[in-house]
Amino acid sequence: MSINRRPLLAGMLAAPLVARAQGFPARPIQMIVSGPPGGTTDYTARLIGPPLSERLGVPVVIENRAGGNGTIAVMPVVRARPDGHTLLLAYCANLTGRPALETNLGYDARKDLAPIALLIEAPQVMMIHPSIPANTLAEFIEYAKQRPGRLNYASSGNGSMQHLGTELLKNRTGIDMVHVPYRGTGETMNDVLAGRIQFYMTTPPPALASVRDGRLKALAMASSERHPAMPEVPTVAEAGLQDFSAEAWFSVMTTAGTPAPVVDRLTRECQEILQLETVRQRALQAGAFARYEDPETLARRIDREITGWTNLVRAQGLSVD
């Protein structure tokens, strides 16, 4: 009698993965954050970390590893043991923007990381300095067209949503502005308020007071819906620019090859945490919306955005500044 050894071999290979999944979590969870303390990425980690710790029954240790445009945070997760005990709290630029801009990052977000869940989306408000004689997005576009290369726009770095989102605006409208990358929102806002930067988009909280007291003019919300913190500011569609979106988003990932039952457990916990009203309200306070997506949907989002941003990078002739 012959024996089919292939199912037997497959079962032997799968046994250690099943054992690891059944024993999860076996120790504290390390959550590596791709941004510095105080930023939205860090805020998201501290929004999700404590309730995740409570639900898993082990500490979730948050570790900020800013720098290298996210690479310093991503690589330890890529190289970690695939057992779900090392997580990445990632900004979308780490997964889609930067990979579209550079081919030698050392990781492929689609192959080296396993999606767990989308956590929040943060729409960007488009703003200009009040010295510019424009009160609507259409008026600003016309003003910029008459001054090619003479206006500056700021971003939080190459491949960020601010960078690529503004380049998308340039591509869609034919305006020409000079990119000035910064490292932090505080430094950026100082130059925007001083008029050294004429155009800037960011989440509402850092800009709210300056818009309300007239030091900046808000033109449009780069999303499909108005923001509750700035209900008077129209969406880009309402401002005349159709099919345009520049929303930053933040997700939790882990190492590729992590057993499916472990990913499923983490995904389920994140989904339930995002349904808590306290969590949803705290996200709104940071200018964001709690928006869950499962691993498959998030994987499609990553793939779609890498393709889209790569096409934009080529069309605009972008490179690292």
Foldseek 3Di string as FASTA:
>chain_A
DDDDCPVVVVCVVCVVLVVLLVCPPVAAAEEEFAADPPDPLNLLCVLQQPLVCVVRVYHYHYHYDYDPQRLRRPVCQLPDDQRRRYKYWDKLLNQAQVVLFDVPSPDHNLAWWFFQKWWWKFWKWKKFFPVDPDQAPVRVLVVQQVPAAPAEEEDLFGSHLFVLQVLVVCVQRVGHHHYDYDNDPVVVVVCRLVRVHTIYMDFCPVCLVCCVVVSMHTHAIQDDAAAPSCNVHHHVVVRPDPPGHRMMTIGMIGTPPHDPSSSVVSNVSSVVSLVDPVSQVSQSVVNIGTDIDGRVVVSVVSVVSNVVSSVSCVVSVDHGD
